[in-house]
Amino acid sequence: MYDLRPETPADMPEVEALLDLCFAPGRTALSSYRLREGVDPVGPLCLTLRNEFGVLVGAIRYWPVQIGGQPVLLLGPVAVHPTTQGEGLGGLLMRESLNRATGMGWSRVMLVGDLPYYQRFGFNKLEDVEMPPPTNPDRVLGIELVPGAWAGIRGTVERAIDPQAQSGPDAPRHSG
């Protein structure tokens, strides 16, 4: 039995320790981290997963970014403790958080990752979207939560400047 719930400030040290365990020591030097600096994550979508003993076994985070002035969710990082990898917990975090993002009114999500893994959730390579360097363009992936949401979206990914972005897009202001 697992307990899935939004991340709280009290969870942060454990989540950071899990991310350190799962990723290379230089993870914070990646371009996706520069897009997150000074920007609050999308709290309702940042989830933790604990086992029956209360041990953190997984976490996923989302951040608001923009491309061409349009709101986009940047997924990541997502991490599963090495002792529980292969049990479908990453898939559980992905599906649940994407469902919640849809419910909050977000229309598109992007990430930097391996297409063979993320394609099963509906992600595809984004041809006209550029992450700040150094990012391999083949790893820039996106999914439409609303059909046609990526149509016409092109350009460089930038930090979100909309202070309301953390609570979800406002449909009348954000079309497409």
C-alpha atoms as a PDB file:
ATOM      1  CA  MET A   1       0.000   0.000   0.000  1.00  0.00           C
ATOM      2  CA  TYR A   2       1.301   3.412  -0.947  1.00  0.00           C
ATOM      3  CA  ASP A   3       0.393   6.881   0.245  1.00  0.00           C
ATOM      4  CA  LEU A   4       0.332   9.434  -2.575  1.00  0.00           C
ATOM      5  CA  ARG A   5      -0.052  13.068  -1.567  1.00  0.00           C
ATOM      6  CA  PRO A   6       1.138  16.581  -2.430  1.00  0.00           C
ATOM      7  CA  GLU A   7       4.645  17.454  -1.288  1.00  0.00           C
ATOM      8  CA  THR A   8       4.816  19.658   1.788  1.00  0.00           C
ATOM      9  CA  PRO A   9       7.689  21.867   2.981  1.00  0.00           C
ATOM     10  CA  ALA A  10       8.447  19.178   5.585  1.00  0.00           C
ATOM     11  CA  ASP A  11       9.016  16.658   2.760  1.00  0.00           C
ATOM     12  CA  MET A  12      11.625  18.793   1.010  1.00  0.00           C
ATOM     13  CA  PRO A  13      14.769  17.419   2.719  1.00  0.00           C
ATOM     14  CA  GLU A  14      13.725  13.819   1.994  1.00  0.00           C
ATOM     15  CA  VAL A  15      12.767  14.633  -1.592  1.00  0.00           C
ATOM     16  CA  GLU A  16      16.099  16.364  -2.171  1.00  0.00           C
ATOM     17  CA  ALA A  17      17.932  13.354  -0.697  1.00  0.00           C
ATOM     18  CA  LEU A  18      16.003  11.029  -3.021  1.00  0.00           C
ATOM     19  CA  LEU A  19      16.865  13.209  -6.022  1.00  0.00           C
ATOM     20  CA  ASP A  20      20.538  13.194  -4.989  1.00  0.00           C
ATOM     21  CA  LEU A  21      20.412   9.403  -4.754  1.00  0.00           C
ATOM     22  CA  CYS A  22      18.715   8.928  -8.125  1.00  0.00           C
ATOM     23  CA  PHE A  23      20.552  11.511 -10.217  1.00  0.00           C
ATOM     24  CA  ALA A  24      24.100  12.572 -10.896  1.00  0.00           C
ATOM     25  CA  PRO A  25      25.731  14.942  -8.422  1.00  0.00           C
ATOM     26  CA  GLY A  26      25.726  17.737 -11.022  1.00  0.00           C
ATOM     27  CA  ARG A  27      21.963  17.586 -11.557  1.00  0.00           C
ATOM     28  CA  THR A  28      21.441  21.171 -10.423  1.00  0.00           C
ATOM     29  CA  ALA A  29      23.731  22.443 -13.212  1.00  0.00           C
ATOM     30  CA  LEU A  30      21.248  21.304 -15.880  1.00  0.00           C
ATOM     31  CA  SER A  31      19.364  23.917 -17.884  1.00  0.00           C
ATOM     32  CA  SER A  32      16.025  22.766 -16.454  1.00  0.00           C
ATOM     33  CA  TYR A  33      17.226  23.812 -12.993  1.00  0.00           C
ATOM     34  CA  ARG A  34      18.050  27.308 -14.255  1.00  0.00           C
ATOM     35  CA  LEU A  35      14.440  27.612 -15.459  1.00  0.00           C
ATOM     36  CA  ARG A  36      13.257  26.784 -11.932  1.00  0.00           C
ATOM     37  CA  GLU A  37      15.428  29.308 -10.075  1.00  0.00           C
ATOM     38  CA  GLY A  38      13.331  31.915  -8.326  1.00  0.00           C
ATOM     39  CA  VAL A  39      10.074  30.294  -9.460  1.00  0.00           C
ATOM     40  CA  ASP A  40       7.761  28.381  -7.148  1.00  0.00           C
ATOM     41  CA  PRO A  41       6.794  24.880  -8.267  1.00  0.00           C
ATOM     42  CA  VAL A  42       3.186  24.053  -9.119  1.00  0.00           C
ATOM     43  CA  GLY A  43       2.417  22.800  -5.605  1.00  0.00           C
ATOM     44  CA  PRO A  44      -0.679  20.655  -6.239  1.00  0.00           C
ATOM     45  CA  LEU A  45       1.251  18.675  -8.864  1.00  0.00           C
ATOM     46  CA  CYS A  46       4.386  18.042  -6.788  1.00  0.00           C
ATOM     47  CA  LEU A  47       3.634  14.641  -5.308  1.00  0.00           C
ATOM     48  CA  THR A  48       5.322  12.283  -2.890  1.00  0.00           C
ATOM     49  CA  LEU A  49       4.836   8.549  -2.649  1.00  0.00           C
ATOM     50  CA  ARG A  50       5.482   6.731   0.619  1.00  0.00           C
ATOM     51  CA  ASN A  51       5.363   3.029   1.397  1.00  0.00           C
ATOM     52  CA  GLU A  52       3.434   1.424   4.247  1.00  0.00           C
ATOM     53  CA  PHE A  53       6.287   2.286   6.637  1.00  0.00           C
ATOM     54  CA  GLY A  54       6.198   5.982   5.735  1.00  0.00           C
ATOM     55  CA  VAL A  55       9.447   5.802   3.773  1.00  0.00           C
ATOM     56  CA  LEU A  56       9.648   8.106   0.749  1.00  0.00           C
ATOM     57  CA  VAL A  57       9.929   5.906  -2.349  1.00  0.00           C
ATOM     58  CA  GLY A  58       9.018   8.386  -5.083  1.00  0.00           C
ATOM     59  CA  ALA A  59       8.510  12.031  -5.938  1.00  0.00           C
ATOM     60  CA  ILE A  60       7.526  14.145  -8.923  1.00  0.00           C
ATOM     61  CA  ARG A  61       7.640  17.901  -9.399  1.00  0.00           C
ATOM     62  CA  TYR A  62       6.294  20.407 -11.930  1.00  0.00           C
ATOM     63  CA  TRP A  63       7.278  23.984 -12.697  1.00  0.00           C
ATOM     64  CA  PRO A  64       5.636  26.687 -14.775  1.00  0.00           C
ATOM     65  CA  VAL A  65       7.566  27.846 -17.828  1.00  0.00           C
ATOM     66  CA  GLN A  66       6.584  29.644 -20.989  1.00  0.00           C
ATOM     67  CA  ILE A  67       7.270  29.297 -24.676  1.00  0.00           C
ATOM     68  CA  GLY A  68       6.374  32.177 -26.947  1.00  0.00           C
ATOM     69  CA  GLY A  69       4.448  33.737 -24.066  1.00  0.00           C
ATOM     70  CA  GLN A  70       2.261  30.642 -23.665  1.00  0.00           C
ATOM     71  CA  PRO A  71       2.065  28.710 -20.362  1.00  0.00           C
ATOM     72  CA  VAL A  72       3.651  25.267 -20.278  1.00  0.00           C
ATOM     73  CA  LEU A  73       4.259  22.827 -17.453  1.00  0.00           C
ATOM     74  CA  LEU A  74       7.825  21.578 -17.103  1.00  0.00           C
ATOM     75  CA  LEU A  75       7.729  18.104 -15.587  1.00  0.00           C
ATOM     76  CA  GLY A  76      10.656  17.035 -13.528  1.00  0.00           C
ATOM     77  CA  PRO A  77      12.336  15.736 -11.799  1.00  0.00           C
ATOM     78  CA  VAL A  78      10.580  12.448 -11.218  1.00  0.00           C
ATOM     79  CA  ALA A  79      12.417   9.934  -9.053  1.00  0.00           C
ATOM     80  CA  VAL A  80      11.804   6.482  -7.651  1.00  0.00           C
ATOM     81  CA  HIS A  81      14.029   4.975  -4.987  1.00  0.00           C
ATOM     82  CA  PRO A  82      16.382   2.390  -6.540  1.00  0.00           C
ATOM     83  CA  THR A  83      15.043  -0.377  -4.294  1.00  0.00           C
ATOM     84  CA  THR A  84      11.521   0.070  -5.712  1.00  0.00           C
ATOM     85  CA  GLN A  85      12.319   0.779  -9.357  1.00  0.00           C
ATOM     86  CA  GLY A  86      10.572  -1.559 -11.783  1.00  0.00           C
ATOM     87  CA  GLU A  87       7.414  -1.762  -9.655  1.00  0.00           C
ATOM     88  CA  GLY A  88       5.438   0.786 -11.711  1.00  0.00           C
ATOM     89  CA  LEU A  89       5.750   3.604  -9.188  1.00  0.00           C
ATOM     90  CA  GLY A  90       7.148   6.065 -11.736  1.00  0.00           C
ATOM     91  CA  GLY A  91       4.168   5.298 -13.958  1.00  0.00           C
ATOM     92  CA  LEU A  92       1.805   5.855 -11.046  1.00  0.00           C
ATOM     93  CA  LEU A  93       3.373   9.260 -10.339  1.00  0.00           C
ATOM     94  CA  MET A  94       3.245  10.197 -14.023  1.00  0.00           C
ATOM     95  CA  ARG A  95      -0.378   9.183 -14.619  1.00  0.00           C
ATOM     96  CA  GLU A  96      -1.725  10.695 -11.414  1.00  0.00           C
ATOM     97  CA  SER A  97       0.104  14.000 -11.843  1.00  0.00           C
ATOM     98  CA  LEU A  98      -0.881  14.342 -15.509  1.00  0.00           C
ATOM     99  CA  ASN A  99      -4.517  13.693 -14.573  1.00  0.00           C
ATOM    100  CA  ARG A 100      -4.273  16.374 -11.886  1.00  0.00           C
ATOM    101  CA  ALA A 101      -2.657  18.802 -14.345  1.00  0.00           C
ATOM    102  CA  THR A 102      -5.538  18.265 -16.751  1.00  0.00           C
ATOM    103  CA  GLY A 103      -8.010  18.864 -13.935  1.00  0.00           C
ATOM    104  CA  MET A 104      -6.256  22.135 -13.079  1.00  0.00           C
ATOM    105  CA  GLY A 105      -6.694  23.381 -16.643  1.00  0.00           C
ATOM    106  CA  TRP A 106      -3.176  22.922 -17.988  1.00  0.00           C
ATOM    107  CA  SER A 107      -3.111  22.036 -21.674  1.00  0.00           C
ATOM    108  CA  ARG A 108       0.507  21.061 -22.372  1.00  0.00           C
ATOM    109  CA  VAL A 109       3.436  19.513 -20.529  1.00  0.00           C
ATOM    110  CA  MET A 110       7.074  19.207 -21.496  1.00  0.00           C
ATOM    111  CA  LEU A 111      10.127  17.473 -20.065  1.00  0.00           C
ATOM    112  CA  VAL A 112      13.681  16.561 -20.870  1.00  0.00           C
ATOM    113  CA  GLY A 113      14.040  12.796 -20.912  1.00  0.00           C
ATOM    114  CA  ASP A 114      14.317   9.534 -22.800  1.00  0.00           C
ATOM    115  CA  LEU A 115      11.634   9.094 -25.460  1.00  0.00           C
ATOM    116  CA  PRO A 116      11.472   5.277 -25.133  1.00  0.00           C
ATOM    117  CA  TYR A 117      10.402   5.647 -21.474  1.00  0.00           C
ATOM    118  CA  TYR A 118       8.085   8.666 -21.721  1.00  0.00           C
ATOM    119  CA  GLN A 119       6.424   7.752 -25.021  1.00  0.00           C
ATOM    120  CA  ARG A 120       4.206   5.234 -23.221  1.00  0.00           C
ATOM    121  CA  PHE A 121       2.605   8.162 -21.374  1.00  0.00           C
ATOM    122  CA  GLY A 122       1.954  10.016 -24.647  1.00  0.00           C
ATOM    123  CA  PHE A 123       5.079  12.180 -24.873  1.00  0.00           C
ATOM    124  CA  ASN A 124       6.688  12.868 -28.246  1.00  0.00           C
ATOM    125  CA  LYS A 125       9.693  14.847 -29.436  1.00  0.00           C
ATOM    126  CA  LEU A 126       9.023  18.582 -29.671  1.00  0.00           C
ATOM    127  CA  GLU A 127      10.517  19.769 -32.967  1.00  0.00           C
ATOM    128  CA  ASP A 128      10.083  23.523 -32.558  1.00  0.00           C
ATOM    129  CA  VAL A 129      10.857  23.900 -28.855  1.00  0.00           C
ATOM    130  CA  GLU A 130      14.356  24.712 -27.682  1.00  0.00           C
ATOM    131  CA  MET A 131      15.658  24.261 -24.168  1.00  0.00           C
ATOM    132  CA  PRO A 132      18.549  26.471 -23.065  1.00  0.00           C
ATOM    133  CA  PRO A 133      21.905  24.743 -23.606  1.00  0.00           C
ATOM    134  CA  PRO A 134      23.312  22.319 -22.877  1.00  0.00           C
ATOM    135  CA  THR A 135      20.282  20.169 -23.710  1.00  0.00           C
ATOM    136  CA  ASN A 136      20.135  17.447 -26.347  1.00  0.00           C
ATOM    137  CA  PRO A 137      17.219  18.475 -28.624  1.00  0.00           C
ATOM    138  CA  ASP A 138      16.225  14.814 -29.046  1.00  0.00           C
ATOM    139  CA  ARG A 139      15.354  14.708 -25.335  1.00  0.00           C
ATOM    140  CA  VAL A 140      12.926  17.668 -25.416  1.00  0.00           C
ATOM    141  CA  LEU A 141       9.524  15.966 -25.201  1.00  0.00           C
ATOM    142  CA  GLY A 142       5.944  17.110 -24.830  1.00  0.00           C
ATOM    143  CA  ILE A 143       2.383  15.886 -24.400  1.00  0.00           C
ATOM    144  CA  GLU A 144      -0.930  17.551 -25.177  1.00  0.00           C
ATOM    145  CA  LEU A 145      -3.437  17.379 -22.347  1.00  0.00           C
ATOM    146  CA  VAL A 146      -5.879  19.141 -24.671  1.00  0.00           C
ATOM    147  CA  PRO A 147      -5.891  18.191 -28.382  1.00  0.00           C
ATOM    148  CA  GLY A 148      -3.964  20.720 -30.462  1.00  0.00           C
ATOM    149  CA  ALA A 149      -2.333  22.367 -27.429  1.00  0.00           C
ATOM    150  CA  TRP A 150       1.150  22.334 -28.977  1.00  0.00           C
ATOM    151  CA  ALA A 151      -0.018  23.694 -32.361  1.00  0.00           C
ATOM    152  CA  GLY A 152       1.869  26.892 -33.107  1.00  0.00           C
ATOM    153  CA  ILE A 153       3.951  26.736 -29.909  1.00  0.00           C
ATOM    154  CA  ARG A 154       7.582  27.245 -30.837  1.00  0.00           C
ATOM    155  CA  GLY A 155      10.639  28.937 -29.520  1.00  0.00           C
ATOM    156  CA  THR A 156      12.897  28.881 -26.500  1.00  0.00           C
ATOM    157  CA  VAL A 157      11.673  27.705 -23.114  1.00  0.00           C
ATOM    158  CA  GLU A 158      11.794  30.566 -20.612  1.00  0.00           C
ATOM    159  CA  ARG A 159      11.116  30.983 -16.927  1.00  0.00           C
ATOM    160  CA  ALA A 160       7.522  31.755 -16.057  1.00  0.00           C
ATOM    161  CA  ILE A 161       6.892  35.383 -15.260  1.00  0.00           C
ATOM    162  CA  ASP A 162       3.183  35.023 -14.446  1.00  0.00           C
ATOM    163  CA  PRO A 163       2.823  35.032 -10.634  1.00  0.00           C
ATOM    164  CA  GLN A 164      -0.439  33.046 -10.929  1.00  0.00           C
ATOM    165  CA  ALA A 165       1.186  30.287 -12.995  1.00  0.00           C
ATOM    166  CA  GLN A 166       1.749  28.142  -9.917  1.00  0.00           C
ATOM    167  CA  SER A 167      -1.971  27.636  -9.326  1.00  0.00           C
ATOM    168  CA  GLY A 168      -2.822  26.736 -12.904  1.00  0.00           C
ATOM    169  CA  PRO A 169      -3.597  28.658 -16.042  1.00  0.00           C
ATOM    170  CA  ASP A 170      -6.559  30.981 -16.195  1.00  0.00           C
ATOM    171  CA  ALA A 171      -8.579  29.784 -19.206  1.00  0.00           C
ATOM    172  CA  PRO A 172      -9.799  33.215 -20.345  1.00  0.00           C
ATOM    173  CA  ARG A 173      -6.243  34.608 -20.369  1.00  0.00           C
ATOM    174  CA  HIS A 174      -4.445  31.573 -21.776  1.00  0.00           C
ATOM    175  CA  SER A 175      -5.902  30.302 -25.011  1.00  0.00           C
ATOM    176  CA  GLY A 176      -4.272  27.455 -26.891  1.00  0.00           C
END
